[in-house]
Amino acid sequence: LSEAAKTIERRLVEAVTIDHIFQSQDLTIPLPDFLSVDTEGSEYEILLGARETLKSNIVALVVETEFHPLHKGQKVFGDLAELLLDLGFDFIRFLNLQELSPVRAPLGLRGEGFHTVCNALFFKKLNNIDTHEEKVKGRLMLRKLSFIAIVFNQFEYALGCLRQSKNLIDYHQDSQEEEPVYLRFLREFEQHIDKMPLVY
C-alpha cells in the first residue's frame, strides 16, 4: 500500500468545519439529514467539526473507517464509534470489509488479509430525537430515519421510528405543500404493516 500511496506533493489548504458551513447567516442550502464521509483518514476530525449539526439534524451516517491506522496520526474505528456514541448515535453494521496484508507475498502464496478498511453505518438513537419541544421536527426526523433504515434493510429500527412518530404533529397533513415521495411511501408502508398478522 505504501508503494501505491506514496506522497507526491504537499499543499496547504484552507478548511472550515461542517458546523461553520451550516451556521452561516446567508445559508441557502438545507441542513443535511444524512452524512457520508470518506476522506482518507480525516473522518474523525471532520465529525468533531460537525458536532452541532450531528446533534441537531443528522439522523444517519456512513463513515469510512480503518481498524489499523493507514494514515499518520489517524483515529481508528473504536475512536470513531466512541465519538458518535457520545453524540447520540448507535453503530449499526459494517457495510463492507476490505482486507490488506501487512506482508507482501507473490501470487499463489496469498491467503486472507487483515480486516483493515470498511464503511460503518450509524443511526441516531431513538431516545436522542427530541419529540418534546419541536414535535413537528421530531416527527419528521423519525420519519426520515425510518425511511433510511428501510433502505439499509433495518426494518425493526424503521418500525420503531414509525411507532414513536405516530402521536406527533404531522406538518404535511394540513400543509398545502405536496407531500414528499418518501413520506407517501411510509404512509402506504404503515397501512400494509397494520394488515400483517403479529406472529413472533
Protein backbone atom coordinates (compact mmCIF):
# COMPACT_ATOMS: atom_id res chain seq x y z
CA LEU A 1 0.00 0.00 0.00
CA SER A 2 2.82 2.43 0.82
CA GLU A 3 4.15 1.98 -2.72
CA ALA A 4 0.76 2.74 -4.25
CA ALA A 5 0.02 5.66 -1.93
CA LYS A 6 3.38 7.44 -1.92
CA THR A 7 3.18 11.21 -1.26
CA ILE A 8 3.85 13.15 -4.45
CA GLU A 9 3.11 16.69 -3.30
CA ARG A 10 2.05 18.50 -0.12
CA ARG A 11 -0.24 21.54 -0.16
CA LEU A 12 -1.71 23.78 2.49
CA VAL A 13 -5.45 24.25 2.07
CA GLU A 14 -7.94 26.40 3.94
CA ALA A 15 -10.69 24.37 5.60
CA VAL A 16 -13.84 25.14 7.58
CA THR A 17 -15.96 22.86 9.72
CA ILE A 18 -19.34 21.47 8.72
CA ASP A 19 -20.83 23.33 11.70
CA HIS A 20 -19.36 26.60 10.36
CA ILE A 21 -20.91 25.99 6.92
CA PHE A 22 -24.38 25.40 8.33
CA GLN A 23 -24.25 28.18 10.92
CA SER A 24 -23.69 30.79 8.18
CA GLN A 25 -26.25 33.59 8.13
CA ASP A 26 -26.61 33.60 4.35
CA LEU A 27 -27.17 29.84 4.07
CA THR A 28 -29.40 28.89 1.15
CA ILE A 29 -28.98 25.09 1.34
CA PRO A 30 -30.98 22.94 3.76
CA LEU A 31 -29.37 21.18 6.72
CA PRO A 32 -28.39 17.58 5.90
CA ASP A 33 -30.31 14.59 7.27
CA PHE A 34 -27.71 12.04 6.17
CA LEU A 35 -23.94 12.39 6.14
CA SER A 36 -21.47 10.27 4.16
CA VAL A 37 -17.78 10.79 4.96
CA ASP A 38 -14.87 9.17 3.10
CA THR A 39 -11.80 11.38 3.46
CA GLU A 40 -8.82 9.02 3.75
CA GLY A 41 -8.13 9.21 7.47
CA SER A 42 -9.52 12.60 8.49
CA GLU A 43 -13.10 11.39 9.17
CA TYR A 44 -12.76 11.73 12.96
CA GLU A 45 -11.66 15.37 12.76
CA ILE A 46 -14.44 16.16 10.29
CA LEU A 47 -17.03 14.68 12.67
CA LEU A 48 -15.56 16.71 15.55
CA GLY A 49 -16.25 19.80 13.45
CA ALA A 50 -19.81 18.65 12.80
CA ARG A 51 -20.92 18.06 16.40
CA GLU A 52 -23.73 20.63 16.44
CA THR A 53 -25.06 19.53 13.04
CA LEU A 54 -24.94 15.89 14.14
CA LYS A 55 -26.82 16.68 17.35
CA SER A 56 -29.47 18.90 15.78
CA ASN A 57 -30.32 17.47 12.38
CA ILE A 58 -28.46 14.41 11.09
CA VAL A 59 -30.27 11.11 11.67
CA ALA A 60 -27.85 8.68 9.99
CA LEU A 61 -24.36 8.50 8.58
CA VAL A 62 -21.96 6.23 6.75
CA VAL A 63 -18.30 6.75 7.57
CA GLU A 64 -15.25 5.10 6.06
CA THR A 65 -13.01 3.91 8.87
CA GLU A 66 -9.99 1.73 9.45
CA PHE A 67 -9.21 -0.91 12.06
CA HIS A 68 -5.46 -0.34 11.61
CA PRO A 69 -4.07 3.18 11.05
CA LEU A 70 -3.11 3.66 7.41
CA HIS A 71 -2.52 7.41 7.72
CA LYS A 72 -0.20 9.21 10.12
CA GLY A 73 -1.94 10.10 13.38
CA GLN A 74 -5.37 8.92 12.27
CA LYS A 75 -8.05 7.62 14.61
CA VAL A 76 -9.39 4.10 14.08
CA PHE A 77 -12.89 2.58 14.28
CA GLY A 78 -13.03 2.38 18.09
CA ASP A 79 -12.30 6.10 18.43
CA LEU A 80 -14.89 6.98 15.82
CA ALA A 81 -17.58 4.72 17.31
CA GLU A 82 -16.97 6.21 20.77
CA LEU A 83 -17.26 9.77 19.45
CA LEU A 84 -20.52 9.02 17.67
CA LEU A 85 -21.89 7.17 20.71
CA ASP A 86 -21.23 10.32 22.77
CA LEU A 87 -23.07 12.33 20.10
CA GLY A 88 -26.14 10.07 20.36
CA PHE A 89 -25.61 7.53 17.56
CA ASP A 90 -25.71 3.74 17.57
CA PHE A 91 -23.30 1.71 15.45
CA ILE A 92 -25.50 -0.46 13.20
CA ARG A 93 -23.22 -2.53 10.99
CA PHE A 94 -20.29 -2.67 8.61
CA LEU A 95 -21.43 -2.25 5.02
CA ASN A 96 -18.29 -3.77 3.53
CA LEU A 97 -14.95 -5.03 4.74
CA GLN A 98 -11.73 -4.71 2.79
CA GLU A 99 -8.63 -6.72 3.56
CA LEU A 100 -4.94 -5.90 3.42
CA SER A 101 -1.94 -7.97 4.45
CA PRO A 102 0.95 -6.42 6.37
CA VAL A 103 3.32 -8.72 4.48
CA ARG A 104 3.61 -8.72 0.70
CA ALA A 105 3.69 -12.15 -0.91
CA PRO A 106 3.71 -13.19 -4.58
CA LEU A 107 0.64 -14.52 -6.35
CA GLY A 108 -0.06 -18.10 -5.43
CA LEU A 109 1.12 -17.57 -1.84
CA ARG A 110 -1.56 -15.16 -0.67
CA GLY A 111 -4.29 -16.01 1.83
CA GLU A 112 -6.83 -13.87 3.61
CA GLY A 113 -5.69 -10.47 4.83
CA PHE A 114 -6.48 -8.42 7.94
CA HIS A 115 -9.83 -6.63 8.03
CA THR A 116 -8.50 -3.14 7.51
CA VAL A 117 -10.98 -0.70 5.92
CA CYS A 118 -14.77 -0.55 5.92
CA ASN A 119 -17.79 1.70 5.69
CA ALA A 120 -19.64 1.85 9.01
CA LEU A 121 -23.35 2.69 9.33
CA PHE A 122 -24.67 4.69 12.30
CA PHE A 123 -28.24 5.69 13.22
CA LYS A 124 -29.32 8.33 15.72
CA LYS A 125 -30.60 6.67 18.89
CA LEU A 126 -34.39 6.88 19.03
CA ASN A 127 -34.34 8.43 22.51
CA ASN A 128 -31.99 11.16 21.24
CA ILE A 129 -34.55 12.55 18.82
CA ASP A 130 -36.26 15.42 20.60
CA THR A 131 -40.02 14.91 20.45
CA HIS A 132 -40.95 17.39 23.19
CA GLU A 133 -40.15 20.95 22.21
CA GLU A 134 -40.47 20.70 18.44
CA LYS A 135 -42.93 17.89 17.88
CA VAL A 136 -43.19 18.65 14.16
CA LYS A 137 -39.42 18.42 13.69
CA GLY A 138 -39.26 15.29 15.88
CA ARG A 139 -41.85 13.51 13.74
CA LEU A 140 -40.09 14.46 10.53
CA MET A 141 -36.70 13.29 11.85
CA LEU A 142 -38.20 9.95 12.90
CA ARG A 143 -39.87 9.51 9.51
CA LYS A 144 -36.63 10.31 7.68
CA LEU A 145 -34.71 7.87 9.87
CA SER A 146 -37.39 5.24 9.27
CA PHE A 147 -37.00 5.58 5.50
CA ILE A 148 -33.19 5.43 5.73
CA ALA A 149 -33.44 2.34 7.95
CA ILE A 150 -35.63 0.62 5.33
CA VAL A 151 -33.08 1.48 2.62
CA PHE A 152 -30.40 -0.26 4.70
CA ASN A 153 -32.69 -3.26 5.45
CA GLN A 154 -33.05 -2.38 9.15
CA PHE A 155 -36.79 -2.99 9.30
CA GLU A 156 -37.13 -3.33 13.08
CA TYR A 157 -35.44 0.04 13.59
CA ALA A 158 -37.70 1.52 10.91
CA LEU A 159 -40.77 0.17 12.70
CA GLY A 160 -39.53 1.63 15.98
CA CYS A 161 -39.21 5.05 14.32
CA LEU A 162 -42.73 4.82 12.84
CA ARG A 163 -44.20 3.73 16.18
CA GLN A 164 -42.52 6.61 18.02
CA SER A 165 -43.63 9.18 15.43
CA LYS A 166 -47.32 8.17 15.40
CA ASN A 167 -48.61 10.61 18.03
CA LEU A 168 -46.55 13.59 16.92
CA ILE A 169 -47.84 16.50 14.83
CA ASP A 170 -47.93 15.78 11.09
CA TYR A 171 -46.93 19.03 9.38
CA HIS A 172 -47.88 17.71 5.93
CA GLN A 173 -51.44 16.81 6.98
CA ASP A 174 -52.60 20.44 6.97
CA SER A 175 -49.99 21.86 4.60
CA GLN A 176 -50.66 22.98 1.06
CA GLU A 177 -47.21 21.71 0.04
CA GLU A 178 -47.02 18.47 -1.88
CA GLU A 179 -46.07 15.58 0.36
CA PRO A 180 -42.56 14.24 -0.41
CA VAL A 181 -42.47 10.81 -2.06
CA TYR A 182 -40.67 9.14 0.86
CA LEU A 183 -43.44 10.23 3.26
CA ARG A 184 -46.12 8.83 0.93
CA PHE A 185 -44.15 5.59 0.77
CA LEU A 186 -44.02 5.40 4.58
CA ARG A 187 -47.77 6.05 4.87
CA GLU A 188 -48.50 3.18 2.47
CA PHE A 189 -45.91 1.03 4.23
CA GLU A 190 -47.71 1.59 7.57
CA GLN A 191 -51.05 0.59 6.01
CA HIS A 192 -49.52 -2.73 4.94
CA ILE A 193 -47.96 -3.25 8.38
CA ASP A 194 -51.40 -2.79 10.01
CA LYS A 195 -52.75 -5.68 7.90
CA MET A 196 -49.99 -8.12 8.83
CA PRO A 197 -50.59 -10.79 11.49
CA LEU A 198 -48.36 -10.26 14.52
CA VAL A 199 -46.60 -13.59 14.70
CA TYR A 200 -43.40 -13.79 16.78
